[in-house]
Amino acid sequence: MAGVCLRQTSIYALYFLKHRLFYAQFLPHPRIQKLGFVYAFFVFLPVVGDVFALALGLARYHQWLALLGIALGKLARYSVLIMPLVGF
């Protein structure tokens, strides 16, 4: 879990921290700024999640909100996967 979360956070951070290279091309998109937390929550999805992480970084979405959304999404995913094993 930590490795996947680190990978997706690093994809996000790569584009968030390097925004000066893309500043003229990729300005903050209003839709991503509005629904960014939802996109960050669904970063755990196999193929679409990487696209969401990339879009959040390119749109320069707030880093702490993205990290919180990614962490909550991972927590929800793994708690749903563990529930049958525990007996819920």
PDB file of N, CA and C in Angstrom:
ATOM      1  N   MET A   1       0.827  -1.195   0.000  1.00  0.00           N
ATOM      2  CA  MET A   1       0.000   0.000   0.000  1.00  0.00           C
ATOM      3  C   MET A   1       0.864   1.249   0.000  1.00  0.00           C
ATOM      4  N   ALA A   2       1.904   1.227   0.806  1.00  0.00           N
ATOM      5  CA  ALA A   2       2.751   2.412   0.895  1.00  0.00           C
ATOM      6  C   ALA A   2       3.472   2.668  -0.419  1.00  0.00           C
ATOM      7  N   GLY A   3       3.881   1.588  -1.110  1.00  0.00           N
ATOM      8  CA  GLY A   3       4.584   1.753  -2.376  1.00  0.00           C
ATOM      9  C   GLY A   3       3.707   2.351  -3.454  1.00  0.00           C
ATOM     10  N   VAL A   4       2.456   1.895  -3.530  1.00  0.00           N
ATOM     11  CA  VAL A   4       1.539   2.409  -4.539  1.00  0.00           C
ATOM     12  C   VAL A   4       1.167   3.850  -4.228  1.00  0.00           C
ATOM     13  N   CYS A   5       0.924   4.137  -2.955  1.00  0.00           N
ATOM     14  CA  CYS A   5       0.594   5.501  -2.555  1.00  0.00           C
ATOM     15  C   CYS A   5       1.761   6.437  -2.833  1.00  0.00           C
ATOM     16  N   LEU A   6       2.967   5.957  -2.565  1.00  0.00           N
ATOM     17  CA  LEU A   6       4.156   6.752  -2.838  1.00  0.00           C
ATOM     18  C   LEU A   6       4.319   6.993  -4.326  1.00  0.00           C
ATOM     19  N   ARG A   7       4.037   5.976  -5.149  1.00  0.00           N
ATOM     20  CA  ARG A   7       4.156   6.130  -6.598  1.00  0.00           C
ATOM     21  C   ARG A   7       3.179   7.174  -7.105  1.00  0.00           C
ATOM     22  N   GLN A   8       1.921   7.098  -6.668  1.00  0.00           N
ATOM     23  CA  GLN A   8       0.927   8.032  -7.152  1.00  0.00           C
ATOM     24  C   GLN A   8       1.155   9.432  -6.598  1.00  0.00           C
ATOM     25  N   THR A   9       1.646   9.520  -5.382  1.00  0.00           N
ATOM     26  CA  THR A   9       1.973  10.831  -4.838  1.00  0.00           C
ATOM     27  C   THR A   9       3.165  11.426  -5.558  1.00  0.00           C
ATOM     28  N   SER A  10       4.120  10.595  -5.952  1.00  0.00           N
ATOM     29  CA  SER A  10       5.278  11.108  -6.671  1.00  0.00           C
ATOM     30  C   SER A  10       4.898  11.549  -8.074  1.00  0.00           C
ATOM     31  N   ILE A  11       3.948  10.850  -8.712  1.00  0.00           N
ATOM     32  CA  ILE A  11       3.467  11.308 -10.022  1.00  0.00           C
ATOM     33  C   ILE A  11       2.843  12.691  -9.867  1.00  0.00           C
ATOM     34  N   TYR A  12       2.040  12.851  -8.821  1.00  0.00           N
ATOM     35  CA  TYR A  12       1.414  14.139  -8.560  1.00  0.00           C
ATOM     36  C   TYR A  12       2.468  15.202  -8.265  1.00  0.00           C
ATOM     37  N   ALA A  13       3.426  14.867  -7.403  1.00  0.00           N
ATOM     38  CA  ALA A  13       4.425  15.846  -6.983  1.00  0.00           C
ATOM     39  C   ALA A  13       5.336  16.243  -8.132  1.00  0.00           C
ATOM     40  N   LEU A  14       5.615  15.318  -9.037  1.00  0.00           N
ATOM     41  CA  LEU A  14       6.468  15.623 -10.184  1.00  0.00           C
ATOM     42  C   LEU A  14       5.906  16.788 -10.977  1.00  0.00           C
ATOM     43  N   TYR A  15       4.631  16.772 -11.236  1.00  0.00           N
ATOM     44  CA  TYR A  15       4.024  17.842 -12.013  1.00  0.00           C
ATOM     45  C   TYR A  15       3.654  19.051 -11.167  1.00  0.00           C
ATOM     46  N   PHE A  16       3.415  18.838  -9.880  1.00  0.00           N
ATOM     47  CA  PHE A  16       3.114  19.975  -9.020  1.00  0.00           C
ATOM     48  C   PHE A  16       4.354  20.820  -8.793  1.00  0.00           C
ATOM     49  N   LEU A  17       5.485  20.179  -8.523  1.00  0.00           N
ATOM     50  CA  LEU A  17       6.712  20.900  -8.223  1.00  0.00           C
ATOM     51  C   LEU A  17       7.389  21.449  -9.468  1.00  0.00           C
ATOM     52  N   LYS A  18       7.151  20.850 -10.606  1.00  0.00           N
ATOM     53  CA  LYS A  18       7.771  21.305 -11.846  1.00  0.00           C
ATOM     54  C   LYS A  18       6.837  22.200 -12.655  1.00  0.00           C
ATOM     55  N   HIS A  19       5.935  22.887 -11.997  1.00  0.00           N
ATOM     56  CA  HIS A  19       4.933  23.679 -12.699  1.00  0.00           C
ATOM     57  C   HIS A  19       5.528  24.819 -13.500  1.00  0.00           C
ATOM     58  N   ARG A  20       6.722  25.237 -13.188  1.00  0.00           N
ATOM     59  CA  ARG A  20       7.316  26.336 -13.949  1.00  0.00           C
ATOM     60  C   ARG A  20       7.560  25.943 -15.400  1.00  0.00           C
ATOM     61  N   LEU A  21       7.855  24.683 -15.642  1.00  0.00           N
ATOM     62  CA  LEU A  21       8.058  24.231 -17.016  1.00  0.00           C
ATOM     63  C   LEU A  21       6.755  24.236 -17.802  1.00  0.00           C
ATOM     64  N   PHE A  22       5.653  23.998 -17.134  1.00  0.00           N
ATOM     65  CA  PHE A  22       4.366  23.873 -17.794  1.00  0.00           C
ATOM     66  C   PHE A  22       3.449  25.063 -17.508  1.00  0.00           C
ATOM     67  N   TYR A  23       3.956  26.102 -16.879  1.00  0.00           N
ATOM     68  CA  TYR A  23       3.093  27.165 -16.385  1.00  0.00           C
ATOM     69  C   TYR A  23       2.288  27.827 -17.503  1.00  0.00           C
ATOM     70  N   ALA A  24       2.919  28.085 -18.630  1.00  0.00           N
ATOM     71  CA  ALA A  24       2.219  28.767 -19.714  1.00  0.00           C
ATOM     72  C   ALA A  24       1.204  27.851 -20.396  1.00  0.00           C
ATOM     73  N   GLN A  25       1.429  26.543 -20.354  1.00  0.00           N
ATOM     74  CA  GLN A  25       0.560  25.620 -21.071  1.00  0.00           C
ATOM     75  C   GLN A  25      -0.595  25.111 -20.219  1.00  0.00           C
ATOM     76  N   PHE A  26      -0.358  24.848 -18.951  1.00  0.00           N
ATOM     77  CA  PHE A  26      -1.362  24.214 -18.103  1.00  0.00           C
ATOM     78  C   PHE A  26      -1.685  25.110 -16.916  1.00  0.00           C
ATOM     79  N   LEU A  27      -2.701  25.903 -17.069  1.00  0.00           N
ATOM     80  CA  LEU A  27      -3.153  26.748 -15.970  1.00  0.00           C
ATOM     81  C   LEU A  27      -4.177  25.970 -15.148  1.00  0.00           C
ATOM     82  N   PRO A  28      -4.423  26.377 -13.910  1.00  0.00           N
ATOM     83  CA  PRO A  28      -5.406  25.664 -13.086  1.00  0.00           C
ATOM     84  C   PRO A  28      -6.771  25.595 -13.769  1.00  0.00           C
ATOM     85  N   HIS A  29      -7.244  24.400 -13.947  1.00  0.00           N
ATOM     86  CA  HIS A  29      -8.529  24.191 -14.601  1.00  0.00           C
ATOM     87  C   HIS A  29      -9.639  24.280 -13.550  1.00  0.00           C
ATOM     88  N   PRO A  30     -10.696  25.057 -13.804  1.00  0.00           N
ATOM     89  CA  PRO A  30     -11.743  25.241 -12.788  1.00  0.00           C
ATOM     90  C   PRO A  30     -12.434  23.939 -12.386  1.00  0.00           C
ATOM     91  N   ARG A  31     -12.611  23.013 -13.323  1.00  0.00           N
ATOM     92  CA  ARG A  31     -13.286  21.762 -12.987  1.00  0.00           C
ATOM     93  C   ARG A  31     -12.421  20.909 -12.058  1.00  0.00           C
ATOM     94  N   ILE A  32     -11.128  20.884 -12.312  1.00  0.00           N
ATOM     95  CA  ILE A  32     -10.239  20.107 -11.446  1.00  0.00           C
ATOM     96  C   ILE A  32     -10.113  20.781 -10.086  1.00  0.00           C
ATOM     97  N   GLN A  33     -10.104  22.100 -10.051  1.00  0.00           N
ATOM     98  CA  GLN A  33     -10.040  22.795  -8.767  1.00  0.00           C
ATOM     99  C   GLN A  33     -11.309  22.541  -7.956  1.00  0.00           C
ATOM    100  N   LYS A  34     -12.443  22.392  -8.644  1.00  0.00           N
ATOM    101  CA  LYS A  34     -13.707  22.178  -7.943  1.00  0.00           C
ATOM    102  C   LYS A  34     -13.858  20.723  -7.487  1.00  0.00           C
ATOM    103  N   LEU A  35     -13.527  19.764  -8.345  1.00  0.00           N
ATOM    104  CA  LEU A  35     -13.731  18.344  -8.056  1.00  0.00           C
ATOM    105  C   LEU A  35     -12.427  17.615  -7.766  1.00  0.00           C
ATOM    106  N   GLY A  36     -11.371  18.330  -7.466  1.00  0.00           N
ATOM    107  CA  GLY A  36     -10.058  17.723  -7.291  1.00  0.00           C
ATOM    108  C   GLY A  36      -9.998  16.701  -6.173  1.00  0.00           C
ATOM    109  N   PHE A  37     -10.709  16.935  -5.084  1.00  0.00           N
ATOM    110  CA  PHE A  37     -10.679  15.988  -3.968  1.00  0.00           C
ATOM    111  C   PHE A  37     -11.307  14.655  -4.374  1.00  0.00           C
ATOM    112  N   VAL A  38     -12.352  14.725  -5.185  1.00  0.00           N
ATOM    113  CA  VAL A  38     -12.992  13.496  -5.672  1.00  0.00           C
ATOM    114  C   VAL A  38     -12.033  12.745  -6.590  1.00  0.00           C
ATOM    115  N   TYR A  39     -11.338  13.474  -7.467  1.00  0.00           N
ATOM    116  CA  TYR A  39     -10.354  12.840  -8.343  1.00  0.00           C
ATOM    117  C   TYR A  39      -9.234  12.213  -7.515  1.00  0.00           C
ATOM    118  N   ALA A  40      -8.790  12.908  -6.492  1.00  0.00           N
ATOM    119  CA  ALA A  40      -7.728  12.364  -5.633  1.00  0.00           C
ATOM    120  C   ALA A  40      -8.215  11.125  -4.891  1.00  0.00           C
ATOM    121  N   PHE A  41      -9.468  11.105  -4.494  1.00  0.00           N
ATOM    122  CA  PHE A  41     -10.013   9.945  -3.793  1.00  0.00           C
ATOM    123  C   PHE A  41      -9.987   8.695  -4.676  1.00  0.00           C
ATOM    124  N   PHE A  42     -10.214   8.864  -5.973  1.00  0.00           N
ATOM    125  CA  PHE A  42     -10.266   7.722  -6.888  1.00  0.00           C
ATOM    126  C   PHE A  42      -8.950   7.457  -7.602  1.00  0.00           C
ATOM    127  N   VAL A  43      -7.864   7.941  -7.066  1.00  0.00           N
ATOM    128  CA  VAL A  43      -6.543   7.676  -7.644  1.00  0.00           C
ATOM    129  C   VAL A  43      -6.175   6.201  -7.532  1.00  0.00           C
ATOM    130  N   PHE A  44      -6.798   5.457  -6.627  1.00  0.00           N
ATOM    131  CA  PHE A  44      -6.467   4.042  -6.453  1.00  0.00           C
ATOM    132  C   PHE A  44      -6.941   3.175  -7.618  1.00  0.00           C
ATOM    133  N   LEU A  45      -7.780   3.678  -8.503  1.00  0.00           N
ATOM    134  CA  LEU A  45      -8.252   2.877  -9.633  1.00  0.00           C
ATOM    135  C   LEU A  45      -7.096   2.540 -10.568  1.00  0.00           C
ATOM    136  N   PRO A  46      -7.099   1.358 -11.179  1.00  0.00           N
ATOM    137  CA  PRO A  46      -5.923   0.879 -11.912  1.00  0.00           C
ATOM    138  C   PRO A  46      -5.398   1.795 -13.013  1.00  0.00           C
ATOM    139  N   VAL A  47      -6.127   2.119 -14.038  1.00  0.00           N
ATOM    140  CA  VAL A  47      -5.594   2.908 -15.150  1.00  0.00           C
ATOM    141  C   VAL A  47      -5.999   4.368 -15.026  1.00  0.00           C
ATOM    142  N   VAL A  48      -7.225   4.601 -14.678  1.00  0.00           N
ATOM    143  CA  VAL A  48      -7.752   5.959 -14.592  1.00  0.00           C
ATOM    144  C   VAL A  48      -7.099   6.733 -13.454  1.00  0.00           C
ATOM    145  N   GLY A  49      -6.685   6.033 -12.412  1.00  0.00           N
ATOM    146  CA  GLY A  49      -6.085   6.703 -11.260  1.00  0.00           C
ATOM    147  C   GLY A  49      -4.799   7.425 -11.597  1.00  0.00           C
ATOM    148  N   ASP A  50      -3.984   6.848 -12.470  1.00  0.00           N
ATOM    149  CA  ASP A  50      -2.762   7.529 -12.891  1.00  0.00           C
ATOM    150  C   ASP A  50      -3.079   8.785 -13.693  1.00  0.00           C
ATOM    151  N   VAL A  51      -4.117   8.723 -14.488  1.00  0.00           N
ATOM    152  CA  VAL A  51      -4.543   9.906 -15.250  1.00  0.00           C
ATOM    153  C   VAL A  51      -5.051  10.985 -14.297  1.00  0.00           C
ATOM    154  N   PHE A  52      -5.798  10.569 -13.270  1.00  0.00           N
ATOM    155  CA  PHE A  52      -6.275  11.535 -12.281  1.00  0.00           C
ATOM    156  C   PHE A  52      -5.105  12.201 -11.558  1.00  0.00           C
ATOM    157  N   ALA A  53      -4.111  11.413 -11.161  1.00  0.00           N
ATOM    158  CA  ALA A  53      -2.952  11.967 -10.457  1.00  0.00           C
ATOM    159  C   ALA A  53      -2.186  12.932 -11.357  1.00  0.00           C
ATOM    160  N   LEU A  54      -2.045  12.576 -12.607  1.00  0.00           N
ATOM    161  CA  LEU A  54      -1.359  13.445 -13.563  1.00  0.00           C
ATOM    162  C   LEU A  54      -2.131  14.746 -13.768  1.00  0.00           C
ATOM    163  N   ALA A  55      -3.452  14.645 -13.900  1.00  0.00           N
ATOM    164  CA  ALA A  55      -4.280  15.842 -14.091  1.00  0.00           C
ATOM    165  C   ALA A  55      -4.237  16.749 -12.867  1.00  0.00           C
ATOM    166  N   LEU A  56      -4.231  16.176 -11.677  1.00  0.00           N
ATOM    167  CA  LEU A  56      -4.149  16.993 -10.464  1.00  0.00           C
ATOM    168  C   LEU A  56      -2.827  17.741 -10.395  1.00  0.00           C
ATOM    169  N   GLY A  57      -1.765  17.083 -10.787  1.00  0.00           N
ATOM    170  CA  GLY A  57      -0.466  17.751 -10.778  1.00  0.00           C
ATOM    171  C   GLY A  57      -0.363  18.838 -11.829  1.00  0.00           C
ATOM    172  N   LEU A  58      -0.866  18.559 -13.033  1.00  0.00           N
ATOM    173  CA  LEU A  58      -0.815  19.556 -14.098  1.00  0.00           C
ATOM    174  C   LEU A  58      -1.678  20.764 -13.780  1.00  0.00           C
ATOM    175  N   ALA A  59      -2.790  20.533 -13.117  1.00  0.00           N
ATOM    176  CA  ALA A  59      -3.683  21.636 -12.758  1.00  0.00           C
ATOM    177  C   ALA A  59      -3.242  22.346 -11.484  1.00  0.00           C
ATOM    178  N   ARG A  60      -2.142  21.866 -10.891  1.00  0.00           N
ATOM    179  CA  ARG A  60      -1.577  22.457  -9.671  1.00  0.00           C
ATOM    180  C   ARG A  60      -2.614  22.496  -8.545  1.00  0.00           C
ATOM    181  N   TYR A  61      -3.278  21.349  -8.353  1.00  0.00           N
ATOM    182  CA  TYR A  61      -4.236  21.231  -7.262  1.00  0.00           C
ATOM    183  C   TYR A  61      -3.486  21.255  -5.937  1.00  0.00           C
ATOM    184  N   HIS A  62      -4.130  21.714  -4.899  1.00  0.00           N
ATOM    185  CA  HIS A  62      -3.503  21.863  -3.589  1.00  0.00           C
ATOM    186  C   HIS A  62      -2.906  20.531  -3.128  1.00  0.00           C
ATOM    187  N   GLN A  63      -1.625  20.547  -2.780  1.00  0.00           N
ATOM    188  CA  GLN A  63      -0.885  19.313  -2.503  1.00  0.00           C
ATOM    189  C   GLN A  63      -1.415  18.567  -1.284  1.00  0.00           C
ATOM    190  N   TRP A  64      -1.738  19.266  -0.213  1.00  0.00           N
ATOM    191  CA  TRP A  64      -2.197  18.593   1.005  1.00  0.00           C
ATOM    192  C   TRP A  64      -3.589  17.999   0.837  1.00  0.00           C
ATOM    193  N   LEU A  65      -4.444  18.673   0.083  1.00  0.00           N
ATOM    194  CA  LEU A  65      -5.769  18.116  -0.178  1.00  0.00           C
ATOM    195  C   LEU A  65      -5.675  16.875  -1.057  1.00  0.00           C
ATOM    196  N   ALA A  66      -4.758  16.904  -2.021  1.00  0.00           N
ATOM    197  CA  ALA A  66      -4.558  15.729  -2.871  1.00  0.00           C
ATOM    198  C   ALA A  66      -4.024  14.561  -2.052  1.00  0.00           C
ATOM    199  N   LEU A  67      -3.074  14.822  -1.182  1.00  0.00           N
ATOM    200  CA  LEU A  67      -2.520  13.764  -0.342  1.00  0.00           C
ATOM    201  C   LEU A  67      -3.579  13.184   0.591  1.00  0.00           C
ATOM    202  N   LEU A  68      -4.417  14.039   1.157  1.00  0.00           N
ATOM    203  CA  LEU A  68      -5.499  13.577   2.022  1.00  0.00           C
ATOM    204  C   LEU A  68      -6.511  12.742   1.238  1.00  0.00           C
ATOM    205  N   GLY A  69      -6.875  13.188   0.051  1.00  0.00           N
ATOM    206  CA  GLY A  69      -7.816  12.439  -0.776  1.00  0.00           C
ATOM    207  C   GLY A  69      -7.270  11.087  -1.193  1.00  0.00           C
ATOM    208  N   ILE A  70      -5.987  11.038  -1.571  1.00  0.00           N
ATOM    209  CA  ILE A  70      -5.360   9.779  -1.954  1.00  0.00           C
ATOM    210  C   ILE A  70      -5.326   8.829  -0.764  1.00  0.00           C
ATOM    211  N   ALA A  71      -4.957   9.330   0.404  1.00  0.00           N
ATOM    212  CA  ALA A  71      -4.872   8.484   1.600  1.00  0.00           C
ATOM    213  C   ALA A  71      -6.249   7.944   1.996  1.00  0.00           C
ATOM    214  N   LEU A  72      -7.282   8.780   1.934  1.00  0.00           N
ATOM    215  CA  LEU A  72      -8.629   8.325   2.284  1.00  0.00           C
ATOM    216  C   LEU A  72      -9.147   7.304   1.274  1.00  0.00           C
ATOM    217  N   GLY A  73      -8.837   7.504   0.009  1.00  0.00           N
ATOM    218  CA  GLY A  73      -9.238   6.535  -1.009  1.00  0.00           C
ATOM    219  C   GLY A  73      -8.570   5.194  -0.808  1.00  0.00           C
ATOM    220  N   LYS A  74      -7.287   5.211  -0.495  1.00  0.00           N
ATOM    221  CA  LYS A  74      -6.570   3.952  -0.226  1.00  0.00           C
ATOM    222  C   LYS A  74      -7.130   3.270   1.024  1.00  0.00           C
ATOM    223  N   LEU A  75      -7.396   4.058   2.057  1.00  0.00           N
ATOM    224  CA  LEU A  75      -7.947   3.495   3.290  1.00  0.00           C
ATOM    225  C   LEU A  75      -9.302   2.845   3.027  1.00  0.00           C
ATOM    226  N   ALA A  76     -10.147   3.510   2.257  1.00  0.00           N
ATOM    227  CA  ALA A  76     -11.465   2.951   1.939  1.00  0.00           C
ATOM    228  C   ALA A  76     -11.322   1.676   1.115  1.00  0.00           C
ATOM    229  N   ARG A  77     -10.418   1.686   0.162  1.00  0.00           N
ATOM    230  CA  ARG A  77     -10.232   0.507  -0.695  1.00  0.00           C
ATOM    231  C   ARG A  77      -9.783  -0.701   0.127  1.00  0.00           C
ATOM    232  N   TYR A  78      -8.757  -0.513   0.933  1.00  0.00           N
ATOM    233  CA  TYR A  78      -8.226  -1.649   1.669  1.00  0.00           C
ATOM    234  C   TYR A  78      -9.125  -2.074   2.824  1.00  0.00           C
ATOM    235  N   SER A  79      -9.894  -1.164   3.379  1.00  0.00           N
ATOM    236  CA  SER A  79     -10.843  -1.579   4.419  1.00  0.00           C
ATOM    237  C   SER A  79     -11.972  -2.407   3.814  1.00  0.00           C
ATOM    238  N   VAL A  80     -12.381  -2.105   2.597  1.00  0.00           N
ATOM    239  CA  VAL A  80     -13.400  -2.922   1.921  1.00  0.00           C
ATOM    240  C   VAL A  80     -12.825  -4.297   1.569  1.00  0.00           C
ATOM    241  N   LEU A  81     -11.555  -4.339   1.198  1.00  0.00           N
ATOM    242  CA  LEU A  81     -10.936  -5.622   0.866  1.00  0.00           C
ATOM    243  C   LEU A  81     -10.713  -6.506   2.104  1.00  0.00           C
ATOM    244  N   ILE A  82     -10.489  -5.897   3.249  1.00  0.00           N
ATOM    245  CA  ILE A  82     -10.204  -6.653   4.468  1.00  0.00           C
ATOM    246  C   ILE A  82     -11.477  -7.078   5.186  1.00  0.00           C
ATOM    247  N   MET A  83     -12.577  -6.397   4.981  1.00  0.00           N
ATOM    248  CA  MET A  83     -13.824  -6.710   5.685  1.00  0.00           C
ATOM    249  C   MET A  83     -14.227  -8.194   5.593  1.00  0.00           C
ATOM    250  N   PRO A  84     -14.196  -8.835   4.430  1.00  0.00           N
ATOM    251  CA  PRO A  84     -14.577 -10.266   4.401  1.00  0.00           C
ATOM    252  C   PRO A  84     -13.614 -11.145   5.213  1.00  0.00           C
ATOM    253  N   LEU A  85     -12.365 -10.774   5.294  1.00  0.00           N
ATOM    254  CA  LEU A  85     -11.402 -11.575   6.043  1.00  0.00           C
ATOM    255  C   LEU A  85     -11.613 -11.468   7.543  1.00  0.00           C
ATOM    256  N   VAL A  86     -12.050 -10.305   7.993  1.00  0.00           N
ATOM    257  CA  VAL A  86     -12.262 -10.085   9.428  1.00  0.00           C
ATOM    258  C   VAL A  86     -13.596 -10.673   9.872  1.00  0.00           C
ATOM    259  N   GLY A  87     -14.567 -10.705   8.984  1.00  0.00           N
ATOM    260  CA  GLY A  87     -15.857 -11.303   9.325  1.00  0.00           C
ATOM    261  C   GLY A  87     -17.010 -10.328   9.330  1.00  0.00           C
ATOM    262  N   PHE A  88     -16.843  -9.157   8.708  1.00  0.00           N
ATOM    263  CA  PHE A  88     -17.942  -8.196   8.652  1.00  0.00           C
ATOM    264  C   PHE A  88     -18.859  -8.489   7.515  1.00  0.00           C
TER     265      PHE A  88
END
